[in-house]
């Protein structure tokens, strides 16, 4: 129904606004206004159709309730060798 109404409005605007005959290149003021209205109608229709709202029968995605848990961390010893060949051991906190 909205699309038919938009198309009828665009046709009315395009047919109703007849620019005066001019001997210059380009379109007149009426044609420019009609193209602006038509472009706005097309952009509005595209935006309205992109908004998929809720309708009966469509599942509603609901985020799960937040789960609060305590981090379980422990200290590990990890070794690495530097560019000079010396081994270093560091204590690293590891959380799961």
PDB file of N, CA and C in Angstrom:
ATOM      1  N   UNK A   1       0.830  -1.182   0.000  1.00  0.00           N
ATOM      2  CA  UNK A   1       0.000   0.000   0.000  1.00  0.00           C
ATOM      3  C   UNK A   1       0.883   1.258   0.000  1.00  0.00           C
ATOM      4  N   UNK A   2       1.959   1.223   0.807  1.00  0.00           N
ATOM      5  CA  UNK A   2       2.847   2.382   0.861  1.00  0.00           C
ATOM      6  C   UNK A   2       3.543   2.597  -0.482  1.00  0.00           C
ATOM      7  N   UNK A   3       3.924   1.504  -1.125  1.00  0.00           N
ATOM      8  CA  UNK A   3       4.638   1.622  -2.393  1.00  0.00           C
ATOM      9  C   UNK A   3       3.722   2.188  -3.464  1.00  0.00           C
ATOM     10  N   UNK A   4       2.471   1.733  -3.490  1.00  0.00           N
ATOM     11  CA  UNK A   4       1.516   2.248  -4.479  1.00  0.00           C
ATOM     12  C   UNK A   4       1.260   3.729  -4.246  1.00  0.00           C
ATOM     13  N   UNK A   5       1.138   4.128  -2.987  1.00  0.00           N
ATOM     14  CA  UNK A   5       0.925   5.543  -2.668  1.00  0.00           C
ATOM     15  C   UNK A   5       2.124   6.384  -3.048  1.00  0.00           C
ATOM     16  N   UNK A   6       3.316   5.858  -2.811  1.00  0.00           N
ATOM     17  CA  UNK A   6       4.537   6.576  -3.181  1.00  0.00           C
ATOM     18  C   UNK A   6       4.649   6.718  -4.692  1.00  0.00           C
ATOM     19  N   UNK A   7       4.318   5.647  -5.418  1.00  0.00           N
ATOM     20  CA  UNK A   7       4.375   5.694  -6.879  1.00  0.00           C
ATOM     21  C   UNK A   7       3.350   6.688  -7.434  1.00  0.00           C
ATOM     22  N   UNK A   8       2.150   6.706  -6.853  1.00  0.00           N
ATOM     23  CA  UNK A   8       1.127   7.646  -7.307  1.00  0.00           C
ATOM     24  C   UNK A   8       1.548   9.081  -7.024  1.00  0.00           C
ATOM     25  N   UNK A   9       2.137   9.321  -5.865  1.00  0.00           N
ATOM     26  CA  UNK A   9       2.613  10.656  -5.531  1.00  0.00           C
ATOM     27  C   UNK A   9       3.722  11.095  -6.480  1.00  0.00           C
ATOM     28  N   UNK A  10       4.641  10.185  -6.779  1.00  0.00           N
ATOM     29  CA  UNK A  10       5.735  10.519  -7.696  1.00  0.00           C
ATOM     30  C   UNK A  10       5.194  10.810  -9.092  1.00  0.00           C
ATOM     31  N   UNK A  11       4.231  10.020  -9.562  1.00  0.00           N
ATOM     32  CA  UNK A  11       3.655  10.256 -10.876  1.00  0.00           C
ATOM     33  C   UNK A  11       2.915  11.586 -10.915  1.00  0.00           C
ATOM     34  N   UNK A  12       2.204  11.915  -9.860  1.00  0.00           N
ATOM     35  CA  UNK A  12       1.493  13.187  -9.792  1.00  0.00           C
ATOM     36  C   UNK A  12       2.466  14.357  -9.839  1.00  0.00           C
ATOM     37  N   UNK A  13       3.532  14.245  -9.097  1.00  0.00           N
ATOM     38  CA  UNK A  13       4.528  15.328  -9.072  1.00  0.00           C
ATOM     39  C   UNK A  13       5.208  15.464 -10.422  1.00  0.00           C
ATOM     40  N   UNK A  14       5.573  14.345 -11.029  1.00  0.00           N
ATOM     41  CA  UNK A  14       6.275  14.399 -12.315  1.00  0.00           C
ATOM     42  C   UNK A  14       5.370  14.914 -13.436  1.00  0.00           C
ATOM     43  N   UNK A  15       4.108  14.502 -13.414  1.00  0.00           N
ATOM     44  CA  UNK A  15       3.200  14.938 -14.477  1.00  0.00           C
ATOM     45  C   UNK A  15       2.667  16.347 -14.228  1.00  0.00           C
ATOM     46  N   UNK A  16       2.550  16.737 -12.990  1.00  0.00           N
ATOM     47  CA  UNK A  16       1.967  18.030 -12.665  1.00  0.00           C
ATOM     48  C   UNK A  16       2.936  19.186 -12.838  1.00  0.00           C
ATOM     49  N   UNK A  17       4.199  18.945 -12.679  1.00  0.00           N
ATOM     50  CA  UNK A  17       5.184  20.028 -12.776  1.00  0.00           C
ATOM     51  C   UNK A  17       5.806  20.019 -14.163  1.00  0.00           C
ATOM     52  N   UNK A  18       5.323  20.886 -15.022  1.00  0.00           N
ATOM     53  CA  UNK A  18       5.866  20.978 -16.368  1.00  0.00           C
ATOM     54  C   UNK A  18       6.741  22.222 -16.442  1.00  0.00           C
ATOM     55  N   UNK A  19       8.008  22.025 -16.691  1.00  0.00           N
ATOM     56  CA  UNK A  19       8.892  23.185 -16.750  1.00  0.00           C
ATOM     57  C   UNK A  19       8.607  24.023 -17.998  1.00  0.00           C
ATOM     58  N   UNK A  20       8.864  25.296 -17.869  1.00  0.00           N
ATOM     59  CA  UNK A  20       8.681  26.188 -19.016  1.00  0.00           C
ATOM     60  C   UNK A  20       9.739  25.878 -20.072  1.00  0.00           C
ATOM     61  N   UNK A  21       9.382  26.103 -21.332  1.00  0.00           N
ATOM     62  CA  UNK A  21      10.329  25.850 -22.416  1.00  0.00           C
ATOM     63  C   UNK A  21      11.462  26.864 -22.329  1.00  0.00           C
ATOM     64  N   UNK A  22      12.675  26.347 -22.301  1.00  0.00           N
ATOM     65  CA  UNK A  22      13.839  27.213 -22.225  1.00  0.00           C
ATOM     66  C   UNK A  22      14.837  26.783 -23.279  1.00  0.00           C
ATOM     67  N   UNK A  23      15.576  27.725 -23.786  1.00  0.00           N
ATOM     68  CA  UNK A  23      16.518  27.450 -24.860  1.00  0.00           C
ATOM     69  C   UNK A  23      17.919  27.208 -24.329  1.00  0.00           C
ATOM     70  N   UNK A  24      18.035  26.755 -23.100  1.00  0.00           N
ATOM     71  CA  UNK A  24      19.360  26.466 -22.550  1.00  0.00           C
ATOM     72  C   UNK A  24      19.452  24.979 -22.266  1.00  0.00           C
ATOM     73  N   UNK A  25      20.661  24.521 -22.046  1.00  0.00           N
ATOM     74  CA  UNK A  25      20.815  23.094 -21.771  1.00  0.00           C
ATOM     75  C   UNK A  25      20.469  22.811 -20.316  1.00  0.00           C
ATOM     76  N   UNK A  26      20.090  21.577 -20.020  1.00  0.00           N
ATOM     77  CA  UNK A  26      19.733  21.204 -18.656  1.00  0.00           C
ATOM     78  C   UNK A  26      18.233  21.179 -18.470  1.00  0.00           C
ATOM     79  N   UNK A  27      17.802  20.894 -17.263  1.00  0.00           N
ATOM     80  CA  UNK A  27      16.377  20.854 -16.954  1.00  0.00           C
ATOM     81  C   UNK A  27      16.012  22.075 -16.137  1.00  0.00           C
ATOM     82  N   UNK A  28      14.739  22.417 -16.153  1.00  0.00           N
ATOM     83  CA  UNK A  28      14.278  23.616 -15.466  1.00  0.00           C
ATOM     84  C   UNK A  28      14.103  23.387 -13.976  1.00  0.00           C
ATOM     85  N   UNK A  29      13.572  24.402 -13.326  1.00  0.00           N
ATOM     86  CA  UNK A  29      13.376  24.358 -11.881  1.00  0.00           C
ATOM     87  C   UNK A  29      12.352  23.299 -11.501  1.00  0.00           C
ATOM     88  N   UNK A  30      11.277  23.185 -12.265  1.00  0.00           N
ATOM     89  CA  UNK A  30      10.242  22.195 -11.961  1.00  0.00           C
ATOM     90  C   UNK A  30      10.772  20.776 -12.060  1.00  0.00           C
ATOM     91  N   UNK A  31      11.557  20.515 -13.098  1.00  0.00           N
ATOM     92  CA  UNK A  31      12.136  19.180 -13.258  1.00  0.00           C
ATOM     93  C   UNK A  31      13.113  18.855 -12.151  1.00  0.00           C
ATOM     94  N   UNK A  32      13.885  19.840 -11.738  1.00  0.00           N
ATOM     95  CA  UNK A  32      14.830  19.637 -10.647  1.00  0.00           C
ATOM     96  C   UNK A  32      14.103  19.317  -9.356  1.00  0.00           C
ATOM     97  N   UNK A  33      13.019  20.049  -9.086  1.00  0.00           N
ATOM     98  CA  UNK A  33      12.235  19.789  -7.876  1.00  0.00           C
ATOM     99  C   UNK A  33      11.595  18.412  -7.934  1.00  0.00           C
ATOM    100  N   UNK A  34      11.070  18.043  -9.112  1.00  0.00           N
ATOM    101  CA  UNK A  34      10.442  16.731  -9.251  1.00  0.00           C
ATOM    102  C   UNK A  34      11.456  15.615  -9.046  1.00  0.00           C
ATOM    103  N   UNK A  35      12.663  15.761  -9.581  1.00  0.00           N
ATOM    104  CA  UNK A  35      13.686  14.738  -9.387  1.00  0.00           C
ATOM    105  C   UNK A  35      14.123  14.665  -7.930  1.00  0.00           C
ATOM    106  N   UNK A  36      14.160  15.798  -7.252  1.00  0.00           N
ATOM    107  CA  UNK A  36      14.500  15.786  -5.835  1.00  0.00           C
ATOM    108  C   UNK A  36      13.462  15.058  -5.007  1.00  0.00           C
ATOM    109  N   UNK A  37      12.184  15.306  -5.307  1.00  0.00           N
ATOM    110  CA  UNK A  37      11.100  14.631  -4.588  1.00  0.00           C
ATOM    111  C   UNK A  37      11.114  13.141  -4.888  1.00  0.00           C
ATOM    112  N   UNK A  38      11.331  12.786  -6.149  1.00  0.00           N
ATOM    113  CA  UNK A  38      11.387  11.378  -6.526  1.00  0.00           C
ATOM    114  C   UNK A  38      12.562  10.682  -5.845  1.00  0.00           C
ATOM    115  N   UNK A  39      13.711  11.335  -5.824  1.00  0.00           N
ATOM    116  CA  UNK A  39      14.869  10.748  -5.150  1.00  0.00           C
ATOM    117  C   UNK A  39      14.628  10.570  -3.668  1.00  0.00           C
ATOM    118  N   UNK A  40      13.986  11.551  -3.041  1.00  0.00           N
ATOM    119  CA  UNK A  40      13.648  11.429  -1.625  1.00  0.00           C
ATOM    120  C   UNK A  40      12.676  10.302  -1.356  1.00  0.00           C
ATOM    121  N   UNK A  41      11.699  10.138  -2.254  1.00  0.00           N
ATOM    122  CA  UNK A  41      10.729   9.059  -2.089  1.00  0.00           C
ATOM    123  C   UNK A  41      11.402   7.696  -2.236  1.00  0.00           C
ATOM    124  N   UNK A  42      12.300   7.587  -3.205  1.00  0.00           N
ATOM    125  CA  UNK A  42      13.007   6.318  -3.410  1.00  0.00           C
ATOM    126  C   UNK A  42      13.902   6.015  -2.206  1.00  0.00           C
ATOM    127  N   UNK A  43      14.630   7.022  -1.715  1.00  0.00           N
ATOM    128  CA  UNK A  43      15.502   6.806  -0.558  1.00  0.00           C
ATOM    129  C   UNK A  43      14.673   6.464   0.680  1.00  0.00           C
ATOM    130  N   UNK A  44      13.543   7.126   0.874  1.00  0.00           N
ATOM    131  CA  UNK A  44      12.682   6.832   2.010  1.00  0.00           C
ATOM    132  C   UNK A  44      12.106   5.431   1.952  1.00  0.00           C
ATOM    133  N   UNK A  45      11.724   5.009   0.752  1.00  0.00           N
ATOM    134  CA  UNK A  45      11.196   3.658   0.588  1.00  0.00           C
ATOM    135  C   UNK A  45      12.270   2.628   0.892  1.00  0.00           C
ATOM    136  N   UNK A  46      13.498   2.880   0.436  1.00  0.00           N
ATOM    137  CA  UNK A  46      14.589   1.942   0.701  1.00  0.00           C
ATOM    138  C   UNK A  46      14.894   1.857   2.187  1.00  0.00           C
ATOM    139  N   UNK A  47      14.885   2.981   2.869  1.00  0.00           N
ATOM    140  CA  UNK A  47      15.158   2.982   4.307  1.00  0.00           C
ATOM    141  C   UNK A  47      14.031   2.283   5.062  1.00  0.00           C
ATOM    142  N   UNK A  48      12.792   2.538   4.664  1.00  0.00           N
ATOM    143  CA  UNK A  48      11.657   1.926   5.355  1.00  0.00           C
ATOM    144  C   UNK A  48      11.620   0.420   5.144  1.00  0.00           C
ATOM    145  N   UNK A  49      11.993  -0.049   3.950  1.00  0.00           N
ATOM    146  CA  UNK A  49      11.963  -1.487   3.703  1.00  0.00           C
ATOM    147  C   UNK A  49      13.140  -2.189   4.361  1.00  0.00           C
ATOM    148  N   UNK A  50      14.203  -1.467   4.676  1.00  0.00           N
ATOM    149  CA  UNK A  50      15.361  -2.089   5.331  1.00  0.00           C
ATOM    150  C   UNK A  50      15.110  -2.319   6.807  1.00  0.00           C
ATOM    151  N   UNK A  51      14.146  -1.626   7.399  1.00  0.00           N
ATOM    152  CA  UNK A  51      13.856  -1.765   8.824  1.00  0.00           C
ATOM    153  C   UNK A  51      12.912  -2.945   9.013  1.00  0.00           C
ATOM    154  N   UNK A  52      13.468  -4.096   9.380  1.00  0.00           N
ATOM    155  CA  UNK A  52      12.645  -5.283   9.585  1.00  0.00           C
ATOM    156  C   UNK A  52      12.196  -5.328  11.029  1.00  0.00           C
ATOM    157  N   UNK A  53      11.018  -4.842  11.287  1.00  0.00           N
ATOM    158  CA  UNK A  53      10.492  -4.824  12.647  1.00  0.00           C
ATOM    159  C   UNK A  53       9.938  -6.164  13.050  1.00  0.00           C
ATOM    160  N   UNK A  54       9.446  -6.234  14.252  1.00  0.00           N
ATOM    161  CA  UNK A  54       8.855  -7.471  14.762  1.00  0.00           C
ATOM    162  C   UNK A  54       7.488  -7.694  14.135  1.00  0.00           C
ATOM    163  N   UNK A  55       7.218  -8.901  13.778  1.00  0.00           N
ATOM    164  CA  UNK A  55       5.879  -9.268  13.341  1.00  0.00           C
ATOM    165  C   UNK A  55       5.545 -10.613  13.987  1.00  0.00           C
ATOM    166  N   UNK A  56       4.265 -10.925  14.166  1.00  0.00           N
ATOM    167  CA  UNK A  56       3.888 -12.170  14.842  1.00  0.00           C
ATOM    168  C   UNK A  56       4.440 -13.389  14.110  1.00  0.00           C
ATOM    169  N   UNK A  57       4.985 -14.304  14.856  1.00  0.00           N
ATOM    170  CA  UNK A  57       5.546 -15.510  14.279  1.00  0.00           C
ATOM    171  C   UNK A  57       7.055 -15.443  14.131  1.00  0.00           C
ATOM    172  N   UNK A  58       7.610 -14.274  14.208  1.00  0.00           N
ATOM    173  CA  UNK A  58       9.066 -14.145  14.078  1.00  0.00           C
ATOM    174  C   UNK A  58       9.688 -14.278  15.462  1.00  0.00           C
ATOM    175  N   UNK A  59      10.723 -15.113  15.596  1.00  0.00           N
ATOM    176  CA  UNK A  59      11.333 -15.252  16.915  1.00  0.00           C
ATOM    177  C   UNK A  59      12.048 -13.965  17.321  1.00  0.00           C
ATOM    178  N   UNK A  60      11.956 -13.653  18.579  1.00  0.00           N
ATOM    179  CA  UNK A  60      12.600 -12.458  19.103  1.00  0.00           C
ATOM    180  C   UNK A  60      13.908 -12.887  19.759  1.00  0.00           C
ATOM    181  N   UNK A  61      15.013 -12.310  19.323  1.00  0.00           N
ATOM    182  CA  UNK A  61      16.304 -12.638  19.898  1.00  0.00           C
ATOM    183  C   UNK A  61      16.481 -11.861  21.190  1.00  0.00           C
ATOM    184  N   UNK A  62      16.675 -12.582  22.265  1.00  0.00           N
ATOM    185  CA  UNK A  62      16.853 -11.972  23.566  1.00  0.00           C
ATOM    186  C   UNK A  62      18.229 -12.369  24.082  1.00  0.00           C
ATOM    187  N   UNK A  63      18.974 -11.403  24.548  1.00  0.00           N
ATOM    188  CA  UNK A  63      20.295 -11.688  25.086  1.00  0.00           C
ATOM    189  C   UNK A  63      20.159 -12.472  26.385  1.00  0.00           C
ATOM    190  N   UNK A  64      21.059 -13.421  26.615  1.00  0.00           N
ATOM    191  CA  UNK A  64      20.984 -14.176  27.865  1.00  0.00           C
ATOM    192  C   UNK A  64      21.336 -13.287  29.050  1.00  0.00           C
ATOM    193  N   UNK A  65      20.841 -13.621  30.210  1.00  0.00           N
ATOM    194  CA  UNK A  65      21.173 -12.807  31.388  1.00  0.00           C
ATOM    195  C   UNK A  65      22.676 -12.865  31.661  1.00  0.00           C
ATOM    196  N   UNK A  66      23.229 -11.808  32.195  1.00  0.00           N
ATOM    197  CA  UNK A  66      24.670 -11.804  32.431  1.00  0.00           C
ATOM    198  C   UNK A  66      25.058 -12.841  33.488  1.00  0.00           C
ATOM    199  N   UNK A  67      26.131 -13.543  33.222  1.00  0.00           N
ATOM    200  CA  UNK A  67      26.628 -14.543  34.167  1.00  0.00           C
ATOM    201  C   UNK A  67      27.866 -13.980  34.840  1.00  0.00           C
ATOM    202  N   UNK A  68      27.809 -13.919  36.140  1.00  0.00           N
ATOM    203  CA  UNK A  68      28.939 -13.405  36.898  1.00  0.00           C
ATOM    204  C   UNK A  68      29.711 -14.583  37.470  1.00  0.00           C
ATOM    205  N   UNK A  69      30.974 -14.625  37.175  1.00  0.00           N
ATOM    206  CA  UNK A  69      31.803 -15.700  37.686  1.00  0.00           C
ATOM    207  C   UNK A  69      33.159 -15.121  38.089  1.00  0.00           C
ATOM    208  N   UNK A  70      33.789 -15.843  38.959  1.00  0.00           N
ATOM    209  CA  UNK A  70      35.083 -15.397  39.448  1.00  0.00           C
ATOM    210  C   UNK A  70      36.172 -15.985  38.561  1.00  0.00           C
ATOM    211  N   UNK A  71      37.137 -15.142  38.205  1.00  0.00           N
ATOM    212  CA  UNK A  71      38.242 -15.619  37.389  1.00  0.00           C
ATOM    213  C   UNK A  71      39.101 -16.576  38.196  1.00  0.00           C
ATOM    214  N   UNK A  72      39.499 -17.645  37.538  1.00  0.00           N
ATOM    215  CA  UNK A  72      40.391 -18.609  38.164  1.00  0.00           C
ATOM    216  C   UNK A  72      41.774 -18.356  37.591  1.00  0.00           C
ATOM    217  N   UNK A  73      42.680 -17.898  38.431  1.00  0.00           N
ATOM    218  CA  UNK A  73      44.025 -17.568  37.985  1.00  0.00           C
ATOM    219  C   UNK A  73      45.046 -18.347  38.810  1.00  0.00           C
ATOM    220  N   UNK A  74      46.171 -18.590  38.180  1.00  0.00           N
ATOM    221  CA  UNK A  74      47.276 -19.205  38.890  1.00  0.00           C
ATOM    222  C   UNK A  74      48.587 -18.677  38.308  1.00  0.00           C
ATOM    223  N   UNK A  75      49.675 -18.944  39.003  1.00  0.00           N
ATOM    224  CA  UNK A  75      50.997 -18.477  38.584  1.00  0.00           C
ATOM    225  C   UNK A  75      51.774 -19.661  38.009  1.00  0.00           C
ATOM    226  N   UNK A  76      52.345 -19.453  36.828  1.00  0.00           N
ATOM    227  CA  UNK A  76      53.186 -20.466  36.197  1.00  0.00           C
ATOM    228  C   UNK A  76      54.579 -19.906  35.994  1.00  0.00           C
ATOM    229  N   UNK A  77      55.540 -20.803  35.995  1.00  0.00           N
ATOM    230  CA  UNK A  77      56.910 -20.411  35.678  1.00  0.00           C
ATOM    231  C   UNK A  77      57.166 -20.764  34.224  1.00  0.00           C
ATOM    232  N   UNK A  78      57.591 -19.776  33.462  1.00  0.00           N
ATOM    233  CA  UNK A  78      57.864 -19.993  32.038  1.00  0.00           C
ATOM    234  C   UNK A  78      59.276 -19.522  31.731  1.00  0.00           C
ATOM    235  N   UNK A  79      59.951 -20.328  30.981  1.00  0.00           N
ATOM    236  CA  UNK A  79      61.318 -19.986  30.629  1.00  0.00           C
ATOM    237  C   UNK A  79      61.418 -19.566  29.176  1.00  0.00           C
ATOM    238  N   UNK A  80      62.381 -18.690  28.907  1.00  0.00           N
ATOM    239  CA  UNK A  80      62.660 -18.293  27.533  1.00  0.00           C
ATOM    240  C   UNK A  80      64.155 -18.023  27.418  1.00  0.00           C
ATOM    241  N   UNK A  81      64.612 -18.077  26.206  1.00  0.00           N
ATOM    242  CA  UNK A  81      66.034 -17.863  25.938  1.00  0.00           C
ATOM    243  C   UNK A  81      66.172 -16.567  25.160  1.00  0.00           C
ATOM    244  N   UNK A  82      67.024 -15.688  25.651  1.00  0.00           N
ATOM    245  CA  UNK A  82      67.215 -14.399  24.988  1.00  0.00           C
ATOM    246  C   UNK A  82      68.152 -14.559  23.785  1.00  0.00           C
ATOM    247  N   UNK A  83      68.333 -13.507  22.989  1.00  0.00           N
ATOM    248  CA  UNK A  83      69.187 -13.621  21.795  1.00  0.00           C
ATOM    249  C   UNK A  83      70.642 -13.992  22.091  1.00  0.00           C
ATOM    250  N   UNK A  84      71.092 -13.823  23.347  1.00  0.00           N
ATOM    251  CA  UNK A  84      72.473 -14.150  23.699  1.00  0.00           C
ATOM    252  C   UNK A  84      72.629 -15.584  24.179  1.00  0.00           C
ATOM    253  N   UNK A  85      71.521 -16.344  24.227  1.00  0.00           N
ATOM    254  CA  UNK A  85      71.582 -17.738  24.626  1.00  0.00           C
ATOM    255  C   UNK A  85      71.423 -17.964  26.114  1.00  0.00           C
ATOM    256  N   UNK A  86      71.052 -16.940  26.873  1.00  0.00           N
ATOM    257  CA  UNK A  86      70.864 -17.078  28.312  1.00  0.00           C
ATOM    258  C   UNK A  86      69.400 -17.399  28.599  1.00  0.00           C
ATOM    259  N   UNK A  87      69.189 -18.435  29.429  1.00  0.00           N
ATOM    260  CA  UNK A  87      67.826 -18.820  29.764  1.00  0.00           C
ATOM    261  C   UNK A  87      67.339 -17.998  30.953  1.00  0.00           C
ATOM    262  N   UNK A  88      66.135 -17.466  30.816  1.00  0.00           N
ATOM    263  CA  UNK A  88      65.508 -16.688  31.881  1.00  0.00           C
ATOM    264  C   UNK A  88      64.198 -17.369  32.245  1.00  0.00           C
ATOM    265  N   UNK A  89      63.856 -17.328  33.529  1.00  0.00           N
ATOM    266  CA  UNK A  89      62.588 -17.920  33.984  1.00  0.00           C
ATOM    267  C   UNK A  89      61.787 -16.790  34.631  1.00  0.00           C
ATOM    268  N   UNK A  90      60.557 -16.666  34.190  1.00  0.00           N
ATOM    269  CA  UNK A  90      59.660 -15.651  34.724  1.00  0.00           C
ATOM    270  C   UNK A  90      58.414 -16.301  35.281  1.00  0.00           C
ATOM    271  N   UNK A  91      57.839 -15.613  36.266  1.00  0.00           N
ATOM    272  CA  UNK A  91      56.550 -16.042  36.791  1.00  0.00           C
ATOM    273  C   UNK A  91      55.470 -15.269  36.011  1.00  0.00           C
ATOM    274  N   UNK A  92      54.488 -16.012  35.496  1.00  0.00           N
ATOM    275  CA  UNK A  92      53.444 -15.431  34.666  1.00  0.00           C
ATOM    276  C   UNK A  92      52.090 -15.780  35.274  1.00  0.00           C
ATOM    277  N   UNK A  93      51.218 -14.781  35.364  1.00  0.00           N
ATOM    278  CA  UNK A  93      49.862 -15.016  35.856  1.00  0.00           C
ATOM    279  C   UNK A  93      49.002 -15.502  34.690  1.00  0.00           C
ATOM    280  N   UNK A  94      48.359 -16.657  34.848  1.00  0.00           N
ATOM    281  CA  UNK A  94      47.532 -17.258  33.799  1.00  0.00           C
ATOM    282  C   UNK A  94      46.117 -17.357  34.330  1.00  0.00           C
ATOM    283  N   UNK A  95      45.162 -16.788  33.606  1.00  0.00           N
ATOM    284  CA  UNK A  95      43.757 -16.826  33.997  1.00  0.00           C
ATOM    285  C   UNK A  95      42.971 -17.638  32.970  1.00  0.00           C
ATOM    286  N   UNK A  96      42.057 -18.460  33.452  1.00  0.00           N
ATOM    287  CA  UNK A  96      41.255 -19.282  32.550  1.00  0.00           C
ATOM    288  C   UNK A  96      39.814 -18.864  32.597  1.00  0.00           C
TER     289      UNK A  96
END
